[in-house]
Amino acid sequence: MYRHAVQCENSEERTHWLRESALMGYLPAMCDYALESDDTEQRRHLLREAAYEGYVPAMYHLALQSGDPATRELWFRRAAEQGHVAAMYELGLACDDPVERSRWLQTAAMEGHAGAMYSYAHECHDPKVRDRWLKQAALQGWEAAVEAMRC
């Protein structure tokens, strides 16, 4: 069912098959269906359920949906620890501890996240290393890095 939903071009049919797959407990479908839902409570419920079951993209999206900084950090951390690159970046930005901040940003940068490359560049004390990361971010189109390279 889920494979059919993902390939479906008709949005109503896609939603139907995502819902059916989600009701059967298929974690990717729960996450996708939640993200398409206009119902905030249903979205949070499905994301929370999939996240607690260990589905990493749901952890990341649950963090994004949360207005509570502690909850955001918790779910970004869980997703980052499971290798979710965007969560590593978000966690790095949220860290108060400069050592942890730098570590998460560096890890995400090394995984190819342009925003992390740009942010990590600003953590670097060595101008050559900083310029290398800025250049990498600019090559990936990160606008702030492109602007920084023009100066």
N, C-alpha and C. Protein backbone atom coordinates (compact mmCIF):
# COMPACT_ATOMS: atom_id res chain seq x y z
N MET A 1 0.81 -1.20 0.00
CA MET A 1 0.00 0.00 0.00
C MET A 1 0.86 1.26 0.00
N TYR A 2 1.88 1.28 0.85
CA TYR A 2 2.72 2.48 0.96
C TYR A 2 3.42 2.76 -0.36
N ARG A 3 3.96 1.74 -0.97
CA ARG A 3 4.65 1.93 -2.25
C ARG A 3 3.70 2.54 -3.28
N HIS A 4 2.46 2.06 -3.27
CA HIS A 4 1.46 2.60 -4.19
C HIS A 4 1.19 4.07 -3.87
N ALA A 5 1.10 4.40 -2.59
CA ALA A 5 0.83 5.78 -2.18
C ALA A 5 1.94 6.71 -2.64
N VAL A 6 3.18 6.28 -2.48
CA VAL A 6 4.32 7.12 -2.85
C VAL A 6 4.37 7.37 -4.35
N GLN A 7 3.94 6.39 -5.13
CA GLN A 7 3.98 6.52 -6.58
C GLN A 7 2.73 7.17 -7.16
N CYS A 8 1.72 7.36 -6.33
CA CYS A 8 0.44 7.86 -6.80
C CYS A 8 0.50 9.36 -7.13
N GLU A 9 -0.01 9.72 -8.29
CA GLU A 9 -0.03 11.11 -8.71
C GLU A 9 -1.29 11.84 -8.24
N ASN A 10 -2.36 11.12 -8.04
CA ASN A 10 -3.61 11.69 -7.56
C ASN A 10 -3.50 11.93 -6.06
N SER A 11 -3.62 13.19 -5.63
CA SER A 11 -3.39 13.52 -4.22
C SER A 11 -4.41 12.87 -3.28
N GLU A 12 -5.67 12.78 -3.70
CA GLU A 12 -6.68 12.14 -2.85
C GLU A 12 -6.38 10.66 -2.68
N GLU A 13 -6.02 10.02 -3.77
CA GLU A 13 -5.70 8.60 -3.71
C GLU A 13 -4.42 8.38 -2.88
N ARG A 14 -3.44 9.25 -3.08
CA ARG A 14 -2.20 9.16 -2.30
C ARG A 14 -2.51 9.25 -0.81
N THR A 15 -3.32 10.25 -0.43
CA THR A 15 -3.68 10.43 0.97
C THR A 15 -4.41 9.20 1.51
N HIS A 16 -5.31 8.64 0.71
CA HIS A 16 -6.04 7.44 1.13
C HIS A 16 -5.08 6.30 1.45
N TRP A 17 -4.12 6.04 0.54
CA TRP A 17 -3.21 4.91 0.74
C TRP A 17 -2.19 5.19 1.84
N LEU A 18 -1.81 6.43 2.00
CA LEU A 18 -0.94 6.78 3.13
C LEU A 18 -1.66 6.53 4.45
N ARG A 19 -2.93 6.96 4.50
CA ARG A 19 -3.73 6.76 5.72
C ARG A 19 -3.88 5.28 6.03
N GLU A 20 -4.20 4.48 5.02
CA GLU A 20 -4.36 3.04 5.23
C GLU A 20 -3.06 2.41 5.74
N SER A 21 -1.94 2.81 5.14
CA SER A 21 -0.64 2.28 5.56
C SER A 21 -0.30 2.75 6.98
N ALA A 22 -0.63 3.99 7.28
CA ALA A 22 -0.38 4.53 8.61
C ALA A 22 -1.20 3.79 9.66
N LEU A 23 -2.46 3.53 9.34
CA LEU A 23 -3.33 2.80 10.28
C LEU A 23 -2.83 1.39 10.56
N MET A 24 -2.10 0.83 9.59
CA MET A 24 -1.53 -0.50 9.78
C MET A 24 -0.21 -0.44 10.57
N GLY A 25 0.22 0.79 10.91
CA GLY A 25 1.41 0.94 11.74
C GLY A 25 2.72 1.02 10.98
N TYR A 26 2.65 1.25 9.67
CA TYR A 26 3.87 1.35 8.89
C TYR A 26 4.49 2.73 9.15
N LEU A 27 5.65 2.75 9.79
CA LEU A 27 6.23 3.99 10.29
C LEU A 27 6.49 5.06 9.22
N PRO A 28 7.07 4.73 8.07
CA PRO A 28 7.24 5.78 7.05
C PRO A 28 5.90 6.39 6.62
N ALA A 29 4.88 5.57 6.53
CA ALA A 29 3.56 6.08 6.15
C ALA A 29 2.99 6.98 7.24
N MET A 30 3.21 6.60 8.50
CA MET A 30 2.73 7.43 9.61
C MET A 30 3.36 8.82 9.53
N CYS A 31 4.65 8.84 9.26
CA CYS A 31 5.37 10.12 9.16
C CYS A 31 4.87 10.92 7.96
N ASP A 32 4.80 10.30 6.80
CA ASP A 32 4.35 11.01 5.60
C ASP A 32 2.92 11.51 5.73
N TYR A 33 2.05 10.65 6.26
CA TYR A 33 0.65 11.03 6.43
C TYR A 33 0.55 12.20 7.42
N ALA A 34 1.33 12.14 8.48
CA ALA A 34 1.32 13.22 9.47
C ALA A 34 1.74 14.54 8.83
N LEU A 35 2.76 14.49 8.00
CA LEU A 35 3.26 15.72 7.38
C LEU A 35 2.28 16.31 6.38
N GLU A 36 1.38 15.49 5.86
CA GLU A 36 0.37 15.99 4.94
C GLU A 36 -0.91 16.42 5.64
N SER A 37 -1.01 16.11 6.92
CA SER A 37 -2.23 16.40 7.66
C SER A 37 -2.34 17.87 8.03
N ASP A 38 -3.55 18.41 7.92
CA ASP A 38 -3.83 19.78 8.35
C ASP A 38 -4.18 19.83 9.84
N ASP A 39 -4.45 18.66 10.42
CA ASP A 39 -4.83 18.55 11.82
C ASP A 39 -3.57 18.49 12.68
N THR A 40 -3.30 19.56 13.40
CA THR A 40 -2.07 19.67 14.19
C THR A 40 -1.97 18.55 15.22
N GLU A 41 -3.06 18.24 15.90
CA GLU A 41 -3.02 17.19 16.92
C GLU A 41 -2.75 15.82 16.30
N GLN A 42 -3.40 15.53 15.19
CA GLN A 42 -3.17 14.26 14.51
C GLN A 42 -1.72 14.17 14.03
N ARG A 43 -1.21 15.26 13.49
CA ARG A 43 0.17 15.30 13.00
C ARG A 43 1.13 14.99 14.15
N ARG A 44 0.96 15.67 15.27
CA ARG A 44 1.85 15.45 16.42
C ARG A 44 1.72 14.04 16.96
N HIS A 45 0.49 13.54 17.03
CA HIS A 45 0.26 12.18 17.53
C HIS A 45 0.98 11.15 16.67
N LEU A 46 0.81 11.24 15.36
CA LEU A 46 1.45 10.27 14.46
C LEU A 46 2.96 10.39 14.49
N LEU A 47 3.46 11.61 14.49
CA LEU A 47 4.91 11.79 14.55
C LEU A 47 5.48 11.27 15.86
N ARG A 48 4.79 11.55 16.96
CA ARG A 48 5.23 11.08 18.28
C ARG A 48 5.27 9.55 18.32
N GLU A 49 4.21 8.94 17.80
CA GLU A 49 4.13 7.48 17.81
C GLU A 49 5.25 6.87 16.97
N ALA A 50 5.48 7.41 15.78
CA ALA A 50 6.54 6.89 14.92
C ALA A 50 7.92 7.16 15.52
N ALA A 51 8.08 8.32 16.15
CA ALA A 51 9.36 8.66 16.78
C ALA A 51 9.66 7.71 17.94
N TYR A 52 8.67 7.46 18.79
CA TYR A 52 8.87 6.54 19.91
C TYR A 52 9.15 5.11 19.44
N GLU A 53 8.69 4.79 18.25
CA GLU A 53 8.97 3.47 17.68
C GLU A 53 10.36 3.42 17.02
N GLY A 54 11.04 4.57 17.00
CA GLY A 54 12.40 4.60 16.51
C GLY A 54 12.58 5.07 15.08
N TYR A 55 11.54 5.62 14.47
CA TYR A 55 11.66 6.10 13.10
C TYR A 55 12.32 7.48 13.10
N VAL A 56 13.55 7.53 12.64
CA VAL A 56 14.39 8.73 12.75
C VAL A 56 13.79 9.95 12.04
N PRO A 57 13.29 9.86 10.81
CA PRO A 57 12.69 11.06 10.21
C PRO A 57 11.54 11.63 11.05
N ALA A 58 10.79 10.76 11.72
CA ALA A 58 9.70 11.24 12.58
C ALA A 58 10.26 12.00 13.78
N MET A 59 11.39 11.54 14.30
CA MET A 59 12.04 12.26 15.41
C MET A 59 12.38 13.68 14.99
N TYR A 60 12.98 13.79 13.82
CA TYR A 60 13.37 15.10 13.30
C TYR A 60 12.15 16.00 13.10
N HIS A 61 11.12 15.48 12.46
CA HIS A 61 9.93 16.30 12.19
C HIS A 61 9.16 16.61 13.47
N LEU A 62 9.19 15.71 14.44
CA LEU A 62 8.56 16.00 15.72
C LEU A 62 9.28 17.17 16.40
N ALA A 63 10.59 17.19 16.32
CA ALA A 63 11.36 18.30 16.88
C ALA A 63 10.97 19.61 16.19
N LEU A 64 10.87 19.57 14.87
CA LEU A 64 10.50 20.78 14.13
C LEU A 64 9.11 21.28 14.51
N GLN A 65 8.22 20.37 14.85
CA GLN A 65 6.83 20.73 15.18
C GLN A 65 6.70 21.28 16.60
N SER A 66 7.69 21.01 17.44
CA SER A 66 7.57 21.39 18.85
C SER A 66 7.90 22.85 19.08
N GLY A 67 7.12 23.48 19.93
CA GLY A 67 7.39 24.85 20.33
C GLY A 67 8.21 24.93 21.60
N ASP A 68 8.40 23.79 22.25
CA ASP A 68 9.13 23.73 23.51
C ASP A 68 10.61 23.47 23.22
N PRO A 69 11.51 24.38 23.60
CA PRO A 69 12.93 24.20 23.30
C PRO A 69 13.53 22.90 23.84
N ALA A 70 13.13 22.48 25.02
CA ALA A 70 13.67 21.24 25.59
C ALA A 70 13.22 20.02 24.77
N THR A 71 11.97 20.02 24.33
CA THR A 71 11.46 18.92 23.51
C THR A 71 12.14 18.92 22.15
N ARG A 72 12.31 20.10 21.58
CA ARG A 72 13.01 20.21 20.29
C ARG A 72 14.41 19.61 20.41
N GLU A 73 15.13 20.02 21.44
CA GLU A 73 16.50 19.53 21.61
C GLU A 73 16.52 18.02 21.82
N LEU A 74 15.60 17.51 22.62
CA LEU A 74 15.54 16.07 22.87
C LEU A 74 15.40 15.29 21.58
N TRP A 75 14.44 15.68 20.73
CA TRP A 75 14.20 14.93 19.50
C TRP A 75 15.25 15.20 18.43
N PHE A 76 15.79 16.41 18.38
CA PHE A 76 16.91 16.64 17.47
C PHE A 76 18.10 15.78 17.88
N ARG A 77 18.36 15.70 19.18
CA ARG A 77 19.48 14.89 19.69
C ARG A 77 19.29 13.42 19.35
N ARG A 78 18.09 12.90 19.59
CA ARG A 78 17.84 11.48 19.28
C ARG A 78 18.03 11.20 17.80
N ALA A 79 17.53 12.09 16.95
CA ALA A 79 17.68 11.89 15.51
C ALA A 79 19.14 12.05 15.09
N ALA A 80 19.82 13.04 15.65
CA ALA A 80 21.23 13.28 15.32
C ALA A 80 22.09 12.08 15.72
N GLU A 81 21.81 11.53 16.87
CA GLU A 81 22.58 10.37 17.34
C GLU A 81 22.36 9.15 16.46
N GLN A 82 21.26 9.16 15.71
CA GLN A 82 20.98 8.06 14.77
C GLN A 82 21.46 8.39 13.36
N GLY A 83 22.16 9.53 13.21
CA GLY A 83 22.76 9.86 11.92
C GLY A 83 21.97 10.80 11.02
N HIS A 84 20.91 11.39 11.51
CA HIS A 84 20.11 12.32 10.70
C HIS A 84 20.88 13.65 10.58
N VAL A 85 21.36 13.95 9.39
CA VAL A 85 22.27 15.08 9.18
C VAL A 85 21.60 16.43 9.47
N ALA A 86 20.38 16.63 9.01
CA ALA A 86 19.69 17.90 9.28
C ALA A 86 19.48 18.08 10.79
N ALA A 87 19.23 16.99 11.50
CA ALA A 87 19.07 17.07 12.96
C ALA A 87 20.40 17.43 13.62
N MET A 88 21.50 16.92 13.08
CA MET A 88 22.82 17.28 13.61
C MET A 88 23.03 18.79 13.50
N TYR A 89 22.68 19.32 12.34
CA TYR A 89 22.81 20.77 12.10
C TYR A 89 21.93 21.56 13.07
N GLU A 90 20.67 21.19 13.17
CA GLU A 90 19.75 21.91 14.07
C GLU A 90 20.21 21.82 15.52
N LEU A 91 20.68 20.65 15.92
CA LEU A 91 21.16 20.47 17.29
C LEU A 91 22.39 21.34 17.52
N GLY A 92 23.29 21.36 16.54
CA GLY A 92 24.46 22.21 16.66
C GLY A 92 24.10 23.67 16.85
N LEU A 93 23.12 24.14 16.10
CA LEU A 93 22.69 25.53 16.24
C LEU A 93 22.07 25.81 17.61
N ALA A 94 21.44 24.79 18.19
CA ALA A 94 20.73 24.97 19.46
C ALA A 94 21.63 24.79 20.69
N CYS A 95 22.80 24.21 20.50
CA CYS A 95 23.68 23.91 21.65
C CYS A 95 24.24 25.16 22.29
N ASP A 96 24.18 25.19 23.62
CA ASP A 96 24.80 26.28 24.37
C ASP A 96 26.28 25.99 24.60
N ASP A 97 26.63 24.73 24.70
CA ASP A 97 28.02 24.32 24.93
C ASP A 97 28.80 24.46 23.63
N PRO A 98 29.81 25.34 23.60
CA PRO A 98 30.54 25.58 22.35
C PRO A 98 31.26 24.35 21.80
N VAL A 99 31.73 23.48 22.67
CA VAL A 99 32.42 22.27 22.21
C VAL A 99 31.43 21.33 21.52
N GLU A 100 30.26 21.14 22.16
CA GLU A 100 29.24 20.28 21.56
C GLU A 100 28.70 20.90 20.28
N ARG A 101 28.49 22.19 20.31
CA ARG A 101 28.01 22.91 19.12
C ARG A 101 28.95 22.65 17.94
N SER A 102 30.21 22.87 18.17
CA SER A 102 31.21 22.69 17.13
C SER A 102 31.24 21.25 16.63
N ARG A 103 31.14 20.30 17.55
CA ARG A 103 31.18 18.88 17.16
C ARG A 103 30.02 18.51 16.26
N TRP A 104 28.80 18.95 16.61
CA TRP A 104 27.63 18.61 15.78
C TRP A 104 27.68 19.31 14.43
N LEU A 105 28.10 20.57 14.44
CA LEU A 105 28.20 21.29 13.17
C LEU A 105 29.27 20.67 12.27
N GLN A 106 30.39 20.31 12.85
CA GLN A 106 31.45 19.67 12.06
C GLN A 106 30.98 18.34 11.49
N THR A 107 30.31 17.56 12.30
CA THR A 107 29.82 16.26 11.83
C THR A 107 28.84 16.43 10.68
N ALA A 108 27.90 17.36 10.81
CA ALA A 108 26.93 17.61 9.74
C ALA A 108 27.63 18.17 8.51
N ALA A 109 28.61 19.03 8.71
CA ALA A 109 29.36 19.59 7.58
C ALA A 109 30.10 18.49 6.84
N MET A 110 30.70 17.59 7.57
CA MET A 110 31.44 16.49 6.94
C MET A 110 30.50 15.54 6.19
N GLU A 111 29.23 15.55 6.57
CA GLU A 111 28.22 14.74 5.88
C GLU A 111 27.62 15.48 4.68
N GLY A 112 28.08 16.72 4.46
CA GLY A 112 27.65 17.44 3.26
C GLY A 112 26.56 18.48 3.44
N HIS A 113 26.19 18.81 4.67
CA HIS A 113 25.13 19.79 4.90
C HIS A 113 25.71 21.20 4.72
N ALA A 114 25.23 21.92 3.72
CA ALA A 114 25.79 23.24 3.38
C ALA A 114 25.64 24.25 4.51
N GLY A 115 24.51 24.27 5.17
CA GLY A 115 24.31 25.19 6.29
C GLY A 115 25.28 24.91 7.42
N ALA A 116 25.53 23.63 7.67
CA ALA A 116 26.48 23.25 8.70
C ALA A 116 27.89 23.65 8.30
N MET A 117 28.20 23.53 7.02
CA MET A 117 29.52 23.96 6.54
C MET A 117 29.73 25.44 6.84
N TYR A 118 28.72 26.22 6.51
CA TYR A 118 28.79 27.66 6.74
C TYR A 118 28.91 27.97 8.24
N SER A 119 28.07 27.36 9.04
CA SER A 119 28.09 27.61 10.48
C SER A 119 29.38 27.11 11.12
N TYR A 120 29.84 25.94 10.68
CA TYR A 120 31.08 25.40 11.24
C TYR A 120 32.27 26.29 10.86
N ALA A 121 32.25 26.88 9.69
CA ALA A 121 33.33 27.78 9.28
C ALA A 121 33.51 28.89 10.31
N HIS A 122 32.41 29.37 10.86
CA HIS A 122 32.48 30.44 11.85
C HIS A 122 32.96 29.95 13.21
N GLU A 123 33.02 28.64 13.38
CA GLU A 123 33.54 28.06 14.61
C GLU A 123 35.06 27.88 14.52
N CYS A 124 35.60 27.91 13.32
CA CYS A 124 37.02 27.61 13.09
C CYS A 124 37.90 28.82 13.37
N HIS A 125 38.97 28.57 14.08
CA HIS A 125 39.92 29.64 14.40
C HIS A 125 40.99 29.78 13.31
N ASP A 126 41.25 28.71 12.62
CA ASP A 126 42.25 28.72 11.55
C ASP A 126 41.62 29.30 10.28
N PRO A 127 42.14 30.42 9.78
CA PRO A 127 41.54 31.06 8.60
C PRO A 127 41.51 30.17 7.35
N LYS A 128 42.51 29.32 7.20
CA LYS A 128 42.51 28.43 6.03
C LYS A 128 41.39 27.40 6.12
N VAL A 129 41.18 26.87 7.31
CA VAL A 129 40.09 25.89 7.50
C VAL A 129 38.75 26.58 7.34
N ARG A 130 38.62 27.78 7.92
CA ARG A 130 37.37 28.55 7.81
C ARG A 130 37.06 28.82 6.33
N ASP A 131 38.06 29.27 5.58
CA ASP A 131 37.84 29.58 4.17
C ASP A 131 37.48 28.33 3.37
N ARG A 132 38.06 27.19 3.72
CA ARG A 132 37.74 25.95 3.01
C ARG A 132 36.28 25.58 3.21
N TRP A 133 35.78 25.70 4.46
CA TRP A 133 34.38 25.36 4.72
C TRP A 133 33.43 26.37 4.07
N LEU A 134 33.81 27.65 4.11
CA LEU A 134 32.98 28.65 3.44
C LEU A 134 32.89 28.37 1.94
N LYS A 135 34.01 28.03 1.35
CA LYS A 135 34.03 27.73 -0.08
C LYS A 135 33.15 26.52 -0.39
N GLN A 136 33.23 25.50 0.44
CA GLN A 136 32.40 24.29 0.23
C GLN A 136 30.92 24.64 0.31
N ALA A 137 30.56 25.45 1.31
CA ALA A 137 29.15 25.85 1.46
C ALA A 137 28.71 26.69 0.26
N ALA A 138 29.58 27.57 -0.20
CA ALA A 138 29.25 28.41 -1.36
C ALA A 138 29.08 27.56 -2.61
N LEU A 139 29.94 26.56 -2.78
CA LEU A 139 29.82 25.68 -3.94
C LEU A 139 28.50 24.91 -3.94
N GLN A 140 27.94 24.70 -2.75
CA GLN A 140 26.64 24.03 -2.66
C GLN A 140 25.48 25.02 -2.74
N GLY A 141 25.80 26.28 -2.88
CA GLY A 141 24.75 27.27 -3.07
C GLY A 141 24.20 27.91 -1.81
N TRP A 142 24.86 27.71 -0.68
CA TRP A 142 24.38 28.34 0.56
C TRP A 142 24.57 29.84 0.42
N GLU A 143 23.49 30.59 0.34
CA GLU A 143 23.52 31.99 -0.04
C GLU A 143 24.45 32.83 0.84
N ALA A 144 24.39 32.65 2.14
CA ALA A 144 25.25 33.44 3.04
C ALA A 144 26.73 33.17 2.75
N ALA A 145 27.06 31.93 2.42
CA ALA A 145 28.45 31.59 2.09
C ALA A 145 28.85 32.20 0.75
N VAL A 146 27.93 32.20 -0.19
CA VAL A 146 28.20 32.82 -1.50
C VAL A 146 28.51 34.29 -1.28
N GLU A 147 27.71 34.96 -0.47
CA GLU A 147 27.92 36.38 -0.17
C GLU A 147 29.25 36.58 0.54
N ALA A 148 29.57 35.72 1.49
CA ALA A 148 30.82 35.85 2.24
C ALA A 148 32.02 35.69 1.32
N MET A 149 31.90 34.84 0.32
CA MET A 149 33.01 34.62 -0.60
C MET A 149 33.20 35.81 -1.55
N ARG A 150 32.14 36.58 -1.77
CA ARG A 150 32.23 37.76 -2.65
C ARG A 150 33.01 38.89 -1.98
N CYS A 151 32.97 38.92 -0.66
CA CYS A 151 33.63 40.01 0.09
C CYS A 151 35.12 39.85 0.11
